[in-house]
Amino acid sequence: MWKRIGVFLFCCALALSIWKDLTIGSPIPTASTAENAPIEPDADTQKNHTKKTFQPVLLQVKQGDTLISITNELNNHELRVTMEQVIQDFEELNPEKDPYALNAGSAYYFPHYPR
């Protein structure tokens, strides 16, 4: 009998814990106030900042090379920027070139991010 009461109390405590966890949850921070909103730099500031963060390097692409593999090799496998930033910088250096389809034997400018 005591065993059944213990199992019943355990199940009640577990159900209460799950219910409380699901109803309260964790708060989601909102950026509705002006002081919490991120400040977006203007276009000129962003371009000047981008030009200072990497150096262009002209390389010929070999069979099987990708933007990611070449950029990782240039930076000694210590890439400190996001892939979105790498793609954006590649597109800035090579206008009208597709970063997802590099042609073997062609030369492209790749971003090198010095320390």
N, C-alpha and C. Protein backbone atom coordinates (compact mmCIF):
# COMPACT_ATOMS: atom_id res chain seq x y z
N MET A 1 0.81 -1.19 0.00
CA MET A 1 0.00 0.00 0.00
C MET A 1 0.86 1.27 0.00
N TRP A 2 1.92 1.29 0.83
CA TRP A 2 2.80 2.46 0.86
C TRP A 2 3.53 2.65 -0.46
N LYS A 3 3.80 1.56 -1.11
CA LYS A 3 4.46 1.62 -2.40
C LYS A 3 3.56 2.32 -3.42
N ARG A 4 2.27 1.99 -3.42
CA ARG A 4 1.32 2.61 -4.35
C ARG A 4 1.18 4.10 -4.07
N ILE A 5 1.13 4.47 -2.81
CA ILE A 5 1.01 5.88 -2.46
C ILE A 5 2.26 6.65 -2.90
N GLY A 6 3.44 6.06 -2.72
CA GLY A 6 4.69 6.69 -3.15
C GLY A 6 4.75 6.88 -4.66
N VAL A 7 4.32 5.86 -5.41
CA VAL A 7 4.31 5.97 -6.87
C VAL A 7 3.31 7.03 -7.31
N PHE A 8 2.14 7.08 -6.65
CA PHE A 8 1.13 8.07 -6.98
C PHE A 8 1.65 9.48 -6.72
N LEU A 9 2.28 9.71 -5.58
CA LEU A 9 2.83 11.04 -5.26
C LEU A 9 3.95 11.42 -6.23
N PHE A 10 4.79 10.46 -6.59
CA PHE A 10 5.85 10.73 -7.56
C PHE A 10 5.26 11.14 -8.91
N CYS A 11 4.24 10.43 -9.37
CA CYS A 11 3.60 10.77 -10.65
C CYS A 11 2.94 12.14 -10.60
N CYS A 12 2.31 12.47 -9.46
CA CYS A 12 1.70 13.79 -9.31
C CYS A 12 2.76 14.89 -9.35
N ALA A 13 3.87 14.68 -8.65
CA ALA A 13 4.96 15.67 -8.64
C ALA A 13 5.56 15.83 -10.04
N LEU A 14 5.72 14.74 -10.75
CA LEU A 14 6.25 14.79 -12.11
C LEU A 14 5.31 15.54 -13.04
N ALA A 15 4.01 15.24 -12.95
CA ALA A 15 3.03 15.92 -13.79
C ALA A 15 2.97 17.41 -13.47
N LEU A 16 3.01 17.77 -12.20
CA LEU A 16 3.01 19.18 -11.80
C LEU A 16 4.26 19.90 -12.30
N SER A 17 5.39 19.24 -12.22
CA SER A 17 6.64 19.82 -12.70
C SER A 17 6.59 20.07 -14.20
N ILE A 18 6.11 19.11 -14.95
CA ILE A 18 6.01 19.26 -16.41
C ILE A 18 5.02 20.36 -16.76
N TRP A 19 3.86 20.38 -16.09
CA TRP A 19 2.85 21.40 -16.37
C TRP A 19 3.40 22.80 -16.09
N LYS A 20 4.08 22.97 -14.96
CA LYS A 20 4.63 24.27 -14.60
C LYS A 20 5.71 24.69 -15.59
N ASP A 21 6.53 23.76 -16.02
CA ASP A 21 7.59 24.04 -16.98
C ASP A 21 7.01 24.50 -18.32
N LEU A 22 5.94 23.84 -18.76
CA LEU A 22 5.34 24.18 -20.04
C LEU A 22 4.55 25.48 -20.00
N THR A 23 3.91 25.78 -18.89
CA THR A 23 3.09 26.99 -18.84
C THR A 23 3.92 28.24 -18.57
N ILE A 24 4.94 28.15 -17.74
CA ILE A 24 5.74 29.33 -17.43
C ILE A 24 6.82 29.52 -18.48
N GLY A 25 7.58 28.51 -18.75
CA GLY A 25 8.64 28.59 -19.76
C GLY A 25 9.69 29.62 -19.41
N SER A 26 10.52 29.98 -20.38
CA SER A 26 11.52 31.00 -20.17
C SER A 26 11.10 32.25 -20.95
N PRO A 27 11.31 33.42 -20.37
CA PRO A 27 10.89 34.65 -21.05
C PRO A 27 11.72 34.92 -22.29
N ILE A 28 11.08 35.47 -23.28
CA ILE A 28 11.76 35.84 -24.52
C ILE A 28 12.04 37.34 -24.47
N PRO A 29 13.31 37.74 -24.56
CA PRO A 29 13.60 39.17 -24.49
C PRO A 29 13.07 39.89 -25.72
N THR A 30 12.52 41.07 -25.51
CA THR A 30 11.99 41.86 -26.61
C THR A 30 12.84 43.09 -26.79
N ALA A 31 12.94 43.54 -28.00
CA ALA A 31 13.69 44.75 -28.32
C ALA A 31 12.72 45.88 -28.64
N SER A 32 11.65 45.97 -27.85
CA SER A 32 10.64 46.98 -28.13
C SER A 32 11.05 48.36 -27.66
N THR A 33 11.93 48.44 -26.68
CA THR A 33 12.35 49.75 -26.21
C THR A 33 13.53 50.22 -27.02
N ALA A 34 13.65 51.53 -27.12
CA ALA A 34 14.71 52.11 -27.95
C ALA A 34 16.10 51.83 -27.39
N GLU A 35 16.21 51.76 -26.06
CA GLU A 35 17.53 51.55 -25.48
C GLU A 35 18.03 50.13 -25.69
N ASN A 36 17.15 49.15 -25.92
CA ASN A 36 17.56 47.77 -26.16
C ASN A 36 17.73 47.46 -27.63
N ALA A 37 17.27 48.34 -28.50
CA ALA A 37 17.33 48.08 -29.94
C ALA A 37 18.77 48.19 -30.43
N PRO A 38 19.21 47.26 -31.30
CA PRO A 38 20.57 47.37 -31.83
C PRO A 38 20.69 48.57 -32.77
N ILE A 39 21.85 49.15 -32.77
CA ILE A 39 22.10 50.31 -33.62
C ILE A 39 22.68 49.82 -34.94
N GLU A 40 22.02 50.16 -36.02
CA GLU A 40 22.46 49.76 -37.35
C GLU A 40 23.39 50.84 -37.91
N PRO A 41 24.59 50.48 -38.35
CA PRO A 41 25.46 51.47 -38.98
C PRO A 41 24.93 51.84 -40.36
N ASP A 42 25.24 53.07 -40.76
CA ASP A 42 24.82 53.47 -42.10
C ASP A 42 25.66 52.76 -43.15
N ALA A 43 25.26 52.86 -44.42
CA ALA A 43 25.90 52.10 -45.50
C ALA A 43 27.37 52.46 -45.66
N ASP A 44 27.72 53.77 -45.55
CA ASP A 44 29.11 54.18 -45.74
C ASP A 44 30.00 53.63 -44.63
N THR A 45 29.53 53.69 -43.41
CA THR A 45 30.31 53.17 -42.29
C THR A 45 30.51 51.66 -42.42
N GLN A 46 29.45 50.97 -42.84
CA GLN A 46 29.54 49.52 -42.98
C GLN A 46 30.52 49.14 -44.10
N LYS A 47 30.52 49.86 -45.21
CA LYS A 47 31.46 49.55 -46.30
C LYS A 47 32.89 49.81 -45.86
N ASN A 48 33.14 50.92 -45.16
CA ASN A 48 34.49 51.21 -44.69
C ASN A 48 34.96 50.16 -43.69
N HIS A 49 34.05 49.72 -42.83
CA HIS A 49 34.41 48.70 -41.84
C HIS A 49 34.72 47.37 -42.53
N THR A 50 33.92 47.02 -43.53
CA THR A 50 34.11 45.76 -44.24
C THR A 50 35.45 45.76 -44.96
N LYS A 51 35.82 46.88 -45.58
CA LYS A 51 37.08 46.93 -46.33
C LYS A 51 38.29 46.80 -45.41
N LYS A 52 38.14 47.18 -44.16
CA LYS A 52 39.25 47.10 -43.23
C LYS A 52 39.40 45.73 -42.59
N THR A 53 38.39 44.86 -42.72
CA THR A 53 38.44 43.59 -42.02
C THR A 53 39.07 42.47 -42.82
N PHE A 54 39.24 42.63 -44.12
CA PHE A 54 39.84 41.56 -44.90
C PHE A 54 40.73 42.14 -46.00
N GLN A 55 41.60 41.27 -46.51
CA GLN A 55 42.48 41.64 -47.62
C GLN A 55 42.16 40.71 -48.79
N PRO A 56 42.00 41.24 -49.99
CA PRO A 56 41.72 40.38 -51.14
C PRO A 56 42.97 39.64 -51.61
N VAL A 57 42.78 38.36 -51.95
CA VAL A 57 43.87 37.53 -52.44
C VAL A 57 43.38 36.87 -53.73
N LEU A 58 44.13 37.02 -54.82
CA LEU A 58 43.76 36.43 -56.11
C LEU A 58 44.32 35.01 -56.19
N LEU A 59 43.42 34.03 -56.37
CA LEU A 59 43.83 32.63 -56.46
C LEU A 59 43.10 31.95 -57.60
N GLN A 60 43.77 30.96 -58.19
CA GLN A 60 43.16 30.16 -59.23
C GLN A 60 42.52 28.93 -58.57
N VAL A 61 41.28 28.66 -58.95
CA VAL A 61 40.52 27.56 -58.35
C VAL A 61 40.91 26.25 -59.02
N LYS A 62 41.13 25.22 -58.18
CA LYS A 62 41.41 23.88 -58.68
C LYS A 62 40.14 23.04 -58.62
N GLN A 63 40.14 21.91 -59.28
CA GLN A 63 38.99 21.01 -59.27
C GLN A 63 38.67 20.58 -57.83
N GLY A 64 37.42 20.71 -57.43
CA GLY A 64 36.99 20.31 -56.10
C GLY A 64 37.07 21.39 -55.05
N ASP A 65 37.65 22.53 -55.36
CA ASP A 65 37.74 23.63 -54.40
C ASP A 65 36.38 24.31 -54.24
N THR A 66 36.11 24.76 -53.03
CA THR A 66 34.91 25.53 -52.75
C THR A 66 35.31 26.82 -52.07
N LEU A 67 34.37 27.74 -51.99
CA LEU A 67 34.64 29.00 -51.31
C LEU A 67 35.05 28.76 -49.87
N ILE A 68 34.37 27.84 -49.22
CA ILE A 68 34.67 27.55 -47.81
C ILE A 68 36.07 26.94 -47.66
N SER A 69 36.39 25.96 -48.50
CA SER A 69 37.69 25.30 -48.36
C SER A 69 38.85 26.26 -48.64
N ILE A 70 38.70 27.09 -49.65
CA ILE A 70 39.78 28.03 -49.99
C ILE A 70 39.93 29.08 -48.89
N THR A 71 38.81 29.61 -48.40
CA THR A 71 38.87 30.63 -47.35
C THR A 71 39.44 30.05 -46.06
N ASN A 72 39.10 28.81 -45.74
CA ASN A 72 39.68 28.17 -44.56
C ASN A 72 41.18 28.00 -44.70
N GLU A 73 41.66 27.58 -45.88
CA GLU A 73 43.10 27.42 -46.09
C GLU A 73 43.83 28.75 -46.00
N LEU A 74 43.22 29.80 -46.56
CA LEU A 74 43.85 31.13 -46.50
C LEU A 74 44.00 31.62 -45.06
N ASN A 75 43.08 31.25 -44.23
CA ASN A 75 43.06 31.73 -42.85
C ASN A 75 43.55 30.68 -41.86
N ASN A 76 44.30 29.70 -42.34
CA ASN A 76 44.89 28.65 -41.50
C ASN A 76 43.84 27.92 -40.65
N HIS A 77 42.68 27.68 -41.22
CA HIS A 77 41.58 26.97 -40.57
C HIS A 77 41.15 27.63 -39.27
N GLU A 78 41.35 28.94 -39.15
CA GLU A 78 40.93 29.71 -37.99
C GLU A 78 40.05 30.87 -38.45
N LEU A 79 38.95 30.55 -39.08
CA LEU A 79 38.05 31.55 -39.62
C LEU A 79 37.28 32.19 -38.47
N ARG A 80 37.38 33.51 -38.33
CA ARG A 80 36.78 34.21 -37.20
C ARG A 80 35.54 35.01 -37.59
N VAL A 81 35.02 34.77 -38.78
CA VAL A 81 33.80 35.44 -39.23
C VAL A 81 32.79 34.38 -39.65
N THR A 82 31.55 34.80 -39.80
CA THR A 82 30.50 33.87 -40.21
C THR A 82 30.60 33.58 -41.70
N MET A 83 30.00 32.47 -42.10
CA MET A 83 30.01 32.12 -43.53
C MET A 83 29.23 33.13 -44.33
N GLU A 84 28.18 33.71 -43.74
CA GLU A 84 27.43 34.75 -44.44
C GLU A 84 28.33 35.94 -44.76
N GLN A 85 29.21 36.29 -43.83
CA GLN A 85 30.14 37.40 -44.05
C GLN A 85 31.15 37.04 -45.13
N VAL A 86 31.62 35.80 -45.15
CA VAL A 86 32.56 35.35 -46.19
C VAL A 86 31.91 35.45 -47.57
N ILE A 87 30.67 34.98 -47.66
CA ILE A 87 29.96 35.03 -48.94
C ILE A 87 29.73 36.47 -49.38
N GLN A 88 29.35 37.33 -48.44
CA GLN A 88 29.12 38.74 -48.75
C GLN A 88 30.42 39.40 -49.23
N ASP A 89 31.53 39.11 -48.55
CA ASP A 89 32.81 39.69 -48.95
C ASP A 89 33.26 39.15 -50.31
N PHE A 90 33.03 37.86 -50.57
CA PHE A 90 33.38 37.28 -51.87
C PHE A 90 32.58 37.95 -52.97
N GLU A 91 31.29 38.16 -52.74
CA GLU A 91 30.44 38.80 -53.75
C GLU A 91 30.85 40.25 -53.97
N GLU A 92 31.34 40.92 -52.92
CA GLU A 92 31.83 42.29 -53.06
C GLU A 92 33.11 42.32 -53.90
N LEU A 93 33.98 41.33 -53.71
CA LEU A 93 35.23 41.28 -54.46
C LEU A 93 35.02 40.81 -55.90
N ASN A 94 34.04 39.96 -56.12
CA ASN A 94 33.79 39.37 -57.44
C ASN A 94 32.34 39.61 -57.84
N PRO A 95 32.03 40.83 -58.28
CA PRO A 95 30.64 41.11 -58.65
C PRO A 95 30.19 40.20 -59.80
N GLU A 96 28.94 39.80 -59.74
CA GLU A 96 28.31 38.97 -60.77
C GLU A 96 28.91 37.56 -60.87
N LYS A 97 29.62 37.12 -59.85
CA LYS A 97 30.13 35.74 -59.79
C LYS A 97 29.37 34.99 -58.72
N ASP A 98 29.04 33.74 -58.99
CA ASP A 98 28.28 32.92 -58.06
C ASP A 98 29.24 32.24 -57.08
N PRO A 99 29.15 32.55 -55.77
CA PRO A 99 30.06 31.93 -54.81
C PRO A 99 29.80 30.43 -54.62
N TYR A 100 28.65 29.95 -55.07
CA TYR A 100 28.31 28.54 -54.91
C TYR A 100 28.73 27.70 -56.12
N ALA A 101 29.18 28.34 -57.21
CA ALA A 101 29.58 27.61 -58.41
C ALA A 101 30.87 28.21 -58.95
N LEU A 102 31.99 27.83 -58.36
CA LEU A 102 33.29 28.31 -58.83
C LEU A 102 33.76 27.42 -59.97
N ASN A 103 34.32 28.03 -61.00
CA ASN A 103 34.81 27.28 -62.16
C ASN A 103 36.28 26.93 -61.97
N ALA A 104 36.59 25.64 -62.11
CA ALA A 104 37.98 25.20 -61.99
C ALA A 104 38.80 25.86 -63.10
N GLY A 105 39.98 26.37 -62.74
CA GLY A 105 40.86 27.03 -63.69
C GLY A 105 40.67 28.53 -63.73
N SER A 106 39.57 29.03 -63.19
CA SER A 106 39.33 30.48 -63.16
C SER A 106 39.96 31.09 -61.92
N ALA A 107 40.30 32.36 -62.02
CA ALA A 107 40.89 33.08 -60.89
C ALA A 107 39.84 33.99 -60.26
N TYR A 108 39.78 33.98 -58.94
CA TYR A 108 38.84 34.80 -58.18
C TYR A 108 39.59 35.48 -57.05
N TYR A 109 39.02 36.57 -56.56
CA TYR A 109 39.54 37.20 -55.35
C TYR A 109 38.83 36.58 -54.15
N PHE A 110 39.62 36.18 -53.17
CA PHE A 110 39.09 35.58 -51.95
C PHE A 110 39.46 36.47 -50.76
N PRO A 111 38.56 36.56 -49.78
CA PRO A 111 38.88 37.39 -48.60
C PRO A 111 39.82 36.67 -47.64
N HIS A 112 40.85 37.38 -47.24
CA HIS A 112 41.78 36.89 -46.22
C HIS A 112 41.60 37.78 -45.00
N TYR A 113 41.31 37.17 -43.85
CA TYR A 113 41.04 37.91 -42.62
C TYR A 113 42.24 37.80 -41.69
N PRO A 114 43.11 38.83 -41.70
CA PRO A 114 44.28 38.77 -40.82
C PRO A 114 43.86 38.94 -39.37
N ARG A 115 44.72 38.51 -38.48
CA ARG A 115 44.40 38.59 -37.03
C ARG A 115 44.38 39.99 -36.56
